[in-house]
């Protein structure tokens, strides 16, 4: 059995490997199609672990030691001597539009891969929860707009909704745009109502870490947090006192208990103090005295007994699977890719304008964790994860930063405006700036990862 770390490493290696191959294959196939000689196709950097040569050009296909990127090396007079008979196939000899097409092909393939991933997932089907409202935050856009607990969302802006998370990207985009959100709901009594949520008060910062439900003010129905014990951990106060999985806690120190939140709250606030637990076990009332163990969390002393809540299953009436036919799935895939791309660009822009905290930037550790989670959930989840990360890589590579594809495009645009190549001195300075910016971004991403892990 793989551990959490094992799943994270497996998911990260698979995800990075697949997305590197997709990106570099874009550069490779367009270069070959335009007649440019490709010398090497490398997945990873550093020492080659595996090398294979094939084709009329004897192109090297390489698997290298550091799997955090890749590259396609083409024949180029700026990087070495080129035989006279092969100069026409050198990258630097190509017309401007050809060079731009080769460079743009990498990010383009990232977006095409995302469309393909979404297309497959939408046909396989996405499990979800019926869009029944379980909570509405007072004073929120949802509450002001008239959304009520028990309402079922039928459509958003005219598009039918079958699952609560089905149109999440569209909701994000509307929230960022401070637009109004037309919505059709059905009350628990069957009455159809037309609502309009005013999202002008939603701040971009509240969306930066994915808190869409909190920003809009509503969330879906969830199973009640019944105070029934799901697991008891060994060598902890609950186990020592005789608490068992399946026990239903009814009172603590004489006060009635109706939810697991009340249990957790009472235990946290009574570190080291004996608590009188009344519970039901196999139809009989039991009494236990449990002394919460004092532990330190973020500088505060809280109590812990070593017991976990039993998760109640979601009723089958609330489970749905959103599955589309090939054409509908293709339309939804293109739409989702566009919305995710637009959302990523808008969030980057707001980050540059300091409207969104840079703490939302994730590094390889967080990506590995999410990759591990998606691998454990299943094929569709992992494919959706690949689609999201592929879009992020496509957008990142199009940024006008030297060393990235967008930086090359920027220099090519300057070349077109100038009517001749940009000087080596300018390119050199640009590369130094690019290295500095990328290193800074990497440091920030690692810092964010570590602060999330360390709390």
Protein backbone atom coordinates (compact mmCIF):
# COMPACT_ATOMS: atom_id res chain seq x y z
CA UNK A 1 0.00 0.00 0.00
CA UNK A 2 1.26 3.46 -0.91
CA UNK A 3 1.50 6.11 1.79
CA UNK A 4 0.30 9.71 1.35
CA UNK A 5 3.89 10.66 0.47
CA UNK A 6 4.05 7.81 -2.03
CA UNK A 7 0.85 8.90 -3.75
CA UNK A 8 2.10 12.50 -3.83
CA UNK A 9 5.39 11.49 -5.44
CA UNK A 10 3.66 9.18 -7.91
CA UNK A 11 1.08 11.80 -8.85
CA UNK A 12 3.70 14.56 -9.15
CA UNK A 13 6.04 12.50 -11.37
CA UNK A 14 3.15 11.36 -13.59
CA UNK A 15 1.66 14.86 -13.88
CA UNK A 16 4.93 16.67 -14.53
CA UNK A 17 6.11 13.98 -16.96
CA UNK A 18 2.89 14.05 -18.99
CA UNK A 19 2.67 17.85 -19.12
CA UNK A 20 6.34 18.30 -20.04
CA UNK A 21 5.94 15.83 -22.90
CA UNK A 22 2.76 17.61 -24.08
CA UNK A 23 4.40 21.06 -24.00
CA UNK A 24 7.66 20.06 -25.64
CA UNK A 25 5.88 17.90 -28.21
CA UNK A 26 4.12 21.07 -29.38
CA UNK A 27 7.47 22.74 -30.11
CA UNK A 28 8.83 19.51 -31.62
CA UNK A 29 6.00 18.63 -34.01
CA UNK A 30 5.58 22.17 -35.39
CA UNK A 31 9.37 22.53 -35.86
CA UNK A 32 9.43 19.22 -37.79
CA UNK A 33 6.37 20.26 -39.81
CA UNK A 34 8.05 23.55 -40.80
CA UNK A 35 11.26 21.78 -41.82
CA UNK A 36 13.50 22.79 -38.88
CA UNK A 37 16.00 20.13 -37.84
CA UNK A 38 15.41 18.90 -34.28
CA UNK A 39 18.58 17.70 -32.54
CA UNK A 40 17.18 16.70 -29.14
CA UNK A 41 13.87 16.17 -27.36
CA UNK A 42 14.59 16.08 -23.63
CA UNK A 43 12.26 15.36 -20.73
CA UNK A 44 14.11 16.74 -17.71
CA UNK A 45 17.41 18.55 -17.28
CA UNK A 46 20.89 17.49 -16.28
CA UNK A 47 22.56 14.12 -16.73
CA UNK A 48 20.85 11.90 -19.35
CA UNK A 49 19.52 8.65 -17.84
CA UNK A 50 18.27 7.25 -21.15
CA UNK A 51 19.07 8.25 -24.75
CA UNK A 52 17.56 6.94 -27.97
CA UNK A 53 18.32 8.17 -31.51
CA UNK A 54 15.95 7.69 -34.42
CA UNK A 55 14.70 9.18 -37.68
CA UNK A 56 16.49 10.56 -40.71
CA UNK A 57 17.92 13.40 -38.59
CA UNK A 58 18.99 10.99 -35.81
CA UNK A 59 17.13 13.10 -33.25
CA UNK A 60 18.08 12.31 -29.63
CA UNK A 61 15.18 11.43 -27.31
CA UNK A 62 16.43 11.91 -23.76
CA UNK A 63 15.16 11.21 -20.25
CA UNK A 64 17.25 13.33 -17.88
CA UNK A 65 17.86 13.27 -14.12
CA UNK A 66 15.99 16.42 -13.01
CA UNK A 67 12.29 16.04 -14.01
CA UNK A 68 11.32 19.69 -13.51
CA UNK A 69 11.12 20.75 -17.12
CA UNK A 70 12.28 19.84 -20.58
CA UNK A 71 13.43 21.30 -23.85
CA UNK A 72 13.62 20.81 -27.61
CA UNK A 73 17.02 21.64 -29.08
CA UNK A 74 16.96 22.69 -32.73
CA UNK A 75 19.70 23.36 -35.24
CA UNK A 76 20.71 26.99 -34.65
CA UNK A 77 23.72 29.02 -35.80
CA UNK A 78 23.66 31.06 -32.59
CA UNK A 79 24.41 27.91 -30.59
CA UNK A 80 27.06 26.28 -32.75
CA UNK A 81 28.52 25.80 -36.19
CA UNK A 82 26.09 24.63 -38.89
CA UNK A 83 27.11 22.91 -42.11
CA UNK A 84 26.38 25.03 -45.22
CA UNK A 85 24.03 22.42 -46.70
CA UNK A 86 21.88 22.46 -43.52
CA UNK A 87 21.68 26.20 -42.90
CA UNK A 88 18.22 26.41 -44.50
CA UNK A 89 16.97 24.07 -41.74
CA UNK A 90 18.42 26.14 -38.86
CA UNK A 91 15.92 27.75 -36.50
CA UNK A 92 17.54 31.19 -36.65
CA UNK A 93 17.26 31.19 -40.47
CA UNK A 94 13.46 30.79 -40.41
CA UNK A 95 11.11 33.64 -41.19
CA UNK A 96 9.69 35.47 -38.18
CA UNK A 97 6.22 33.91 -38.37
CA UNK A 98 7.71 30.41 -38.45
CA UNK A 99 9.81 31.03 -35.33
CA UNK A 100 6.79 32.48 -33.56
CA UNK A 101 4.66 29.48 -34.55
CA UNK A 102 7.25 27.03 -33.16
CA UNK A 103 7.52 28.91 -29.86
CA UNK A 104 3.75 29.37 -29.48
CA UNK A 105 3.13 25.67 -30.17
CA UNK A 106 4.25 24.65 -26.67
CA UNK A 107 1.63 26.68 -24.74
CA UNK A 108 -0.94 25.95 -27.47
CA UNK A 109 -0.55 22.22 -26.88
CA UNK A 110 -1.06 22.80 -23.13
CA UNK A 111 -4.45 24.36 -23.90
CA UNK A 112 -5.34 21.66 -26.44
CA UNK A 113 -4.44 18.98 -23.90
CA UNK A 114 -6.72 20.65 -21.32
CA UNK A 115 -9.60 20.62 -23.83
CA UNK A 116 -8.96 16.91 -24.52
CA UNK A 117 -8.78 16.12 -20.78
CA UNK A 118 -12.05 17.94 -20.05
CA UNK A 119 -13.69 16.32 -23.10
CA UNK A 120 -12.85 12.82 -21.83
CA UNK A 121 -13.91 13.58 -18.25
CA UNK A 122 -17.25 15.09 -19.26
CA UNK A 123 -18.07 11.93 -21.23
CA UNK A 124 -16.92 9.55 -18.49
CA UNK A 125 -19.01 11.51 -16.00
CA UNK A 126 -18.31 13.69 -12.97
CA UNK A 127 -19.84 12.56 -9.64
CA UNK A 128 -21.38 15.42 -7.72
CA UNK A 129 -24.00 16.59 -5.26
CA UNK A 130 -27.46 17.75 -6.24
CA UNK A 131 -27.51 21.59 -6.10
CA UNK A 132 -29.63 21.84 -2.94
CA UNK A 133 -28.73 24.74 -0.63
CA UNK A 134 -27.70 23.70 2.87
CA UNK A 135 -26.46 27.00 4.28
CA UNK A 136 -26.90 30.70 3.49
CA UNK A 137 -24.69 33.24 5.28
CA UNK A 138 -26.72 36.22 6.62
CA UNK A 139 -25.93 39.49 4.84
CA UNK A 140 -24.12 37.74 1.97
CA UNK A 141 -24.95 38.25 -1.75
CA UNK A 142 -26.88 34.96 -1.65
CA UNK A 143 -28.98 36.04 1.36
CA UNK A 144 -29.65 39.52 -0.04
CA UNK A 145 -30.57 38.00 -3.42
CA UNK A 146 -33.22 35.79 -1.81
CA UNK A 147 -31.56 32.36 -1.82
CA UNK A 148 -32.88 30.18 1.02
CA UNK A 149 -31.89 26.94 2.71
CA UNK A 150 -33.59 24.03 0.90
CA UNK A 151 -33.75 25.79 -2.48
CA UNK A 152 -32.58 23.70 -5.43
CA UNK A 153 -30.67 25.58 -8.15
CA UNK A 154 -32.17 24.69 -11.54
CA UNK A 155 -30.14 27.03 -13.77
CA UNK A 156 -27.51 29.77 -13.66
CA UNK A 157 -27.77 32.44 -16.36
CA UNK A 158 -30.03 30.13 -18.34
CA UNK A 159 -27.69 27.10 -18.25
CA UNK A 160 -29.20 24.00 -16.57
CA UNK A 161 -27.41 22.90 -13.38
CA UNK A 162 -27.35 19.27 -12.25
CA UNK A 163 -24.44 19.39 -9.77
CA UNK A 164 -23.40 22.03 -7.25
CA UNK A 165 -19.86 22.26 -8.63
CA UNK A 166 -20.87 22.09 -12.29
CA UNK A 167 -20.54 25.81 -13.13
CA UNK A 168 -17.91 26.75 -10.53
CA UNK A 169 -15.53 28.41 -13.01
CA UNK A 170 -18.35 30.57 -14.37
CA UNK A 171 -19.26 31.62 -10.81
CA UNK A 172 -15.63 32.55 -10.14
CA UNK A 173 -15.51 34.67 -13.28
CA UNK A 174 -18.79 36.43 -12.43
CA UNK A 175 -17.58 37.11 -8.89
CA UNK A 176 -14.33 38.61 -10.19
CA UNK A 177 -16.29 40.77 -12.63
CA UNK A 178 -18.65 41.99 -9.86
CA UNK A 179 -21.55 41.12 -12.15
CA UNK A 180 -25.12 40.16 -11.38
CA UNK A 181 -25.85 36.44 -11.34
CA UNK A 182 -29.28 35.38 -12.70
CA UNK A 183 -30.47 32.16 -11.08
CA UNK A 184 -33.57 29.96 -11.23
CA UNK A 185 -34.38 27.92 -8.10
CA UNK A 186 -37.08 25.56 -6.91
CA UNK A 187 -38.24 25.85 -3.30
CA UNK A 188 -38.79 22.77 -1.10
CA UNK A 189 -42.52 23.25 -1.81
CA UNK A 190 -41.98 23.08 -5.58
CA UNK A 191 -42.39 26.78 -6.39
CA UNK A 192 -40.09 28.16 -9.15
CA UNK A 193 -38.40 31.49 -8.35
CA UNK A 194 -36.18 33.81 -10.40
CA UNK A 195 -33.32 35.39 -8.42
CA UNK A 196 -30.49 37.80 -9.18
CA UNK A 197 -27.42 37.85 -6.94
CA UNK A 198 -25.50 41.13 -6.83
CA UNK A 199 -21.79 40.24 -6.66
CA UNK A 200 -20.45 43.82 -6.61
CA UNK A 201 -19.36 43.47 -2.97
CA UNK A 202 -17.21 40.34 -3.54
CA UNK A 203 -13.50 41.09 -3.12
CA UNK A 204 -10.88 39.36 -5.27
CA UNK A 205 -8.81 38.59 -2.15
CA UNK A 206 -11.64 36.43 -0.81
CA UNK A 207 -11.42 34.25 -3.94
CA UNK A 208 -7.65 33.82 -4.01
CA UNK A 209 -7.64 30.61 -1.96
CA UNK A 210 -10.75 29.09 -3.51
CA UNK A 211 -13.29 30.29 -0.90
CA UNK A 212 -16.00 30.80 -3.52
CA UNK A 213 -18.88 29.50 -1.37
CA UNK A 214 -17.96 31.82 1.50
CA UNK A 215 -17.62 34.82 -0.84
CA UNK A 216 -21.01 34.22 -2.46
CA UNK A 217 -22.59 33.23 0.83
CA UNK A 218 -24.05 29.80 0.18
CA UNK A 219 -23.02 26.16 0.28
CA UNK A 220 -24.64 22.86 -0.58
CA UNK A 221 -26.42 20.41 1.66
CA UNK A 222 -24.16 18.31 3.88
CA UNK A 223 -24.90 15.34 6.11
CA UNK A 224 -25.60 16.42 9.72
CA UNK A 225 -22.57 16.28 12.01
CA UNK A 226 -24.08 13.65 14.33
CA UNK A 227 -22.02 13.23 17.54
CA UNK A 228 -21.34 9.56 16.80
CA UNK A 229 -17.79 8.24 17.18
CA UNK A 230 -16.22 6.93 13.97
CA UNK A 231 -12.73 6.05 15.25
CA UNK A 232 -10.83 5.98 18.53
CA UNK A 233 -7.05 6.33 18.41
CA UNK A 234 -4.84 4.15 20.63
CA UNK A 235 -2.85 5.55 23.56
CA UNK A 236 -5.15 8.57 23.83
CA UNK A 237 -7.59 9.59 26.62
CA UNK A 238 -10.72 8.38 24.76
CA UNK A 239 -9.30 4.89 24.26
CA UNK A 240 -8.04 4.73 27.86
CA UNK A 241 -11.49 5.70 29.16
CA UNK A 242 -13.24 3.01 27.06
CA UNK A 243 -14.87 5.09 24.29
CA UNK A 244 -15.62 2.95 21.22
CA UNK A 245 -16.40 3.48 17.54
CA UNK A 246 -20.18 3.65 17.12
CA UNK A 247 -20.89 5.33 20.46
CA UNK A 248 -23.43 8.18 20.27
CA UNK A 249 -22.50 11.03 22.64
CA UNK A 250 -25.65 12.55 24.19
CA UNK A 251 -24.36 14.77 27.04
CA UNK A 252 -21.11 16.27 28.34
CA UNK A 253 -21.09 17.49 31.92
CA UNK A 254 -24.89 17.36 31.88
CA UNK A 255 -25.29 19.62 28.82
CA UNK A 256 -27.13 18.09 25.82
CA UNK A 257 -24.98 17.43 22.75
CA UNK A 258 -26.59 17.52 19.31
CA UNK A 259 -23.59 17.78 16.94
CA UNK A 260 -19.96 16.75 16.74
CA UNK A 261 -18.99 20.43 16.64
CA UNK A 262 -20.28 20.77 20.22
CA UNK A 263 -18.15 17.79 21.26
CA UNK A 264 -15.03 19.24 19.62
CA UNK A 265 -15.64 22.70 21.09
CA UNK A 266 -16.10 21.37 24.65
CA UNK A 267 -13.01 19.15 24.44
CA UNK A 268 -10.82 21.94 23.05
CA UNK A 269 -11.74 24.33 25.86
CA UNK A 270 -11.20 21.85 28.71
CA UNK A 271 -7.62 20.62 28.40
CA UNK A 272 -6.63 18.61 31.50
CA UNK A 273 -10.11 18.79 33.08
CA UNK A 274 -12.24 15.65 33.69
CA UNK A 275 -15.37 15.62 31.50
CA UNK A 276 -18.47 13.53 32.22
CA UNK A 277 -19.56 11.85 28.94
CA UNK A 278 -23.02 10.28 28.64
CA UNK A 279 -23.50 8.10 25.56
CA UNK A 280 -25.65 5.44 23.95
CA UNK A 281 -24.06 2.09 23.06
CA UNK A 282 -26.13 -0.74 21.57
CA UNK A 283 -29.29 0.86 23.01
CA UNK A 284 -27.89 1.26 26.51
CA UNK A 285 -26.75 4.38 28.33
CA UNK A 286 -23.07 4.50 29.33
CA UNK A 287 -21.11 7.00 31.43
CA UNK A 288 -17.38 7.71 30.99
CA UNK A 289 -14.98 10.21 32.53
CA UNK A 290 -12.46 11.45 29.94
CA UNK A 291 -9.65 13.91 30.65
CA UNK A 292 -8.63 15.75 27.43
CA UNK A 293 -4.91 15.75 26.79
CA UNK A 294 -3.34 19.22 26.66
CA UNK A 295 -1.54 19.94 23.39
CA UNK A 296 -0.05 23.11 21.95
CA UNK A 297 -1.32 24.32 18.56
CA UNK A 298 -0.17 27.66 17.11
CA UNK A 299 0.87 28.87 20.54
CA UNK A 300 -2.42 27.91 22.24
CA UNK A 301 -3.13 25.05 24.64
CA UNK A 302 -6.17 23.02 23.58
CA UNK A 303 -7.68 19.71 24.63
CA UNK A 304 -7.71 16.49 22.61
CA UNK A 305 -9.16 13.07 23.44
CA UNK A 306 -8.18 11.10 20.31
CA UNK A 307 -11.58 10.39 18.73
CA UNK A 308 -12.97 11.16 15.29
CA UNK A 309 -16.51 11.68 14.04
CA UNK A 310 -18.24 9.07 11.91
CA UNK A 311 -18.96 10.51 8.47
CA UNK A 312 -22.58 9.89 7.58
CA UNK A 313 -23.10 8.76 3.98
CA UNK A 314 -24.69 11.14 1.49
CA UNK A 315 -28.27 10.06 0.67
CA UNK A 316 -28.57 8.50 -2.78
CA UNK A 317 -31.28 11.05 -3.64
CA UNK A 318 -28.64 13.80 -3.50
CA UNK A 319 -25.98 12.00 -5.55
CA UNK A 320 -25.74 12.86 -9.23
CA UNK A 321 -23.36 12.14 -12.10
CA UNK A 322 -23.02 14.79 -14.79
CA UNK A 323 -22.34 12.99 -18.08
CA UNK A 324 -22.40 14.58 -21.56
CA UNK A 325 -22.44 13.30 -25.11
CA UNK A 326 -19.41 13.81 -27.41
CA UNK A 327 -20.57 17.13 -28.95
CA UNK A 328 -21.88 18.61 -25.68
CA UNK A 329 -18.70 17.47 -23.95
CA UNK A 330 -16.58 19.18 -26.62
CA UNK A 331 -18.47 22.46 -26.17
CA UNK A 332 -18.18 22.22 -22.38
CA UNK A 333 -14.46 21.37 -22.63
CA UNK A 334 -13.71 24.43 -24.78
CA UNK A 335 -15.81 26.63 -22.48
CA UNK A 336 -14.13 25.33 -19.31
CA UNK A 337 -10.66 25.76 -20.80
CA UNK A 338 -11.47 29.33 -21.82
CA UNK A 339 -12.97 30.18 -18.40
CA UNK A 340 -10.02 28.65 -16.54
CA UNK A 341 -7.55 30.50 -18.78
CA UNK A 342 -9.37 33.80 -18.31
CA UNK A 343 -9.63 33.25 -14.56
CA UNK A 344 -5.91 32.49 -14.28
CA UNK A 345 -4.95 35.61 -16.25
CA UNK A 346 -7.33 37.81 -14.20
CA UNK A 347 -6.00 36.47 -10.89
CA UNK A 348 -2.39 37.06 -12.04
CA UNK A 349 -3.30 40.60 -13.05
CA UNK A 350 -4.93 41.29 -9.67
CA UNK A 351 -1.89 39.82 -7.94
CA UNK A 352 0.39 42.24 -9.81
CA UNK A 353 -1.95 45.10 -8.79
CA UNK A 354 -1.74 43.82 -5.16
CA UNK A 355 -5.50 43.16 -5.07
CA UNK A 356 -4.83 39.47 -4.40
CA UNK A 357 -2.26 38.07 -1.98
CA UNK A 358 0.77 36.32 -3.57
CA UNK A 359 0.30 33.65 -0.90
CA UNK A 360 -2.10 31.96 -3.33
CA UNK A 361 0.86 30.95 -5.57
CA UNK A 362 1.48 27.22 -5.15
CA UNK A 363 4.83 25.47 -5.51
CA UNK A 364 5.83 21.88 -6.33
CA UNK A 365 5.03 20.61 -2.81
CA UNK A 366 1.40 21.74 -2.96
CA UNK A 367 1.09 20.53 -6.56
CA UNK A 368 2.46 17.13 -5.48
CA UNK A 369 -0.07 16.93 -2.63
CA UNK A 370 -3.01 17.69 -4.93
CA UNK A 371 -1.62 15.27 -7.53
CA UNK A 372 -1.53 12.58 -4.84
CA UNK A 373 -5.12 13.31 -3.77
CA UNK A 374 -6.38 13.18 -7.37
CA UNK A 375 -4.55 9.88 -8.05
CA UNK A 376 -6.23 8.31 -5.02
CA UNK A 377 -9.70 9.53 -6.04
CA UNK A 378 -9.49 8.07 -9.53
CA UNK A 379 -8.82 8.53 -13.24
CA UNK A 380 -11.32 11.34 -13.88
CA UNK A 381 -10.08 13.37 -10.92
CA UNK A 382 -6.44 13.02 -12.01
CA UNK A 383 -7.33 13.96 -15.60
CA UNK A 384 -9.18 17.08 -14.36
CA UNK A 385 -6.13 17.96 -12.26
CA UNK A 386 -3.89 17.58 -15.32
CA UNK A 387 -6.20 19.87 -17.30
CA UNK A 388 -6.07 22.62 -14.67
CA UNK A 389 -2.27 22.45 -14.28
CA UNK A 390 -1.80 22.30 -18.07
CA UNK A 391 -3.75 25.56 -18.43
CA UNK A 392 -1.67 27.16 -15.68
CA UNK A 393 1.54 26.10 -17.44
CA UNK A 394 0.23 27.45 -20.74
CA UNK A 395 -0.58 30.84 -19.20
CA UNK A 396 2.71 30.96 -17.26
CA UNK A 397 4.76 30.22 -20.37
CA UNK A 398 3.03 33.01 -22.29
CA UNK A 399 4.07 35.65 -19.76
CA UNK A 400 6.47 38.16 -21.39
CA UNK A 401 9.39 37.05 -19.22
CA UNK A 402 12.72 36.24 -20.91
CA UNK A 403 13.56 32.49 -20.83
CA UNK A 404 9.85 31.67 -21.06
CA UNK A 405 8.07 31.23 -24.41
CA UNK A 406 6.31 34.55 -23.87
CA UNK A 407 9.70 36.27 -23.53
CA UNK A 408 10.81 34.90 -26.90
CA UNK A 409 7.54 36.07 -28.45
CA UNK A 410 8.11 39.52 -26.93
CA UNK A 411 11.55 39.75 -28.58
CA UNK A 412 10.09 38.55 -31.89
CA UNK A 413 7.44 41.28 -31.74
CA UNK A 414 10.23 43.82 -31.13
CA UNK A 415 12.09 42.34 -34.08
CA UNK A 416 9.04 42.76 -36.29
CA UNK A 417 8.55 46.37 -35.19
CA UNK A 418 12.24 47.18 -35.55
CA UNK A 419 12.64 45.42 -38.87
CA UNK A 420 15.66 43.43 -37.69
CA UNK A 421 16.93 41.15 -34.89
CA UNK A 422 17.14 42.49 -31.32
CA UNK A 423 20.76 43.04 -30.23
CA UNK A 424 22.58 40.34 -28.26
CA UNK A 425 23.18 42.86 -25.47
CA UNK A 426 19.42 43.47 -24.99
CA UNK A 427 18.70 39.74 -25.11
CA UNK A 428 21.45 39.10 -22.55
CA UNK A 429 20.05 41.69 -20.14
CA UNK A 430 16.57 40.30 -20.69
CA UNK A 431 17.74 36.78 -19.83
CA UNK A 432 19.36 38.02 -16.61
CA UNK A 433 16.10 39.73 -15.64
CA UNK A 434 14.19 36.58 -16.55
CA UNK A 435 16.40 34.37 -14.40
CA UNK A 436 16.00 36.77 -11.45
CA UNK A 437 12.20 36.87 -11.81
CA UNK A 438 11.89 33.08 -12.15
CA UNK A 439 14.15 32.45 -9.15
CA UNK A 440 12.11 34.93 -7.12
CA UNK A 441 8.89 33.20 -8.17
CA UNK A 442 10.34 29.79 -7.23
CA UNK A 443 11.44 31.05 -3.81
CA UNK A 444 7.98 32.55 -3.19
CA UNK A 445 6.26 29.32 -4.26
CA UNK A 446 8.47 27.19 -1.97
CA UNK A 447 7.92 29.66 0.89
CA UNK A 448 4.14 29.46 0.42
CA UNK A 449 4.31 25.66 0.38
CA UNK A 450 6.33 25.52 3.59
CA UNK A 451 4.11 28.02 5.43
CA UNK A 452 1.03 25.97 4.47
CA UNK A 453 2.64 22.77 5.77
CA UNK A 454 3.98 24.34 8.96
CA UNK A 455 0.75 26.26 9.61
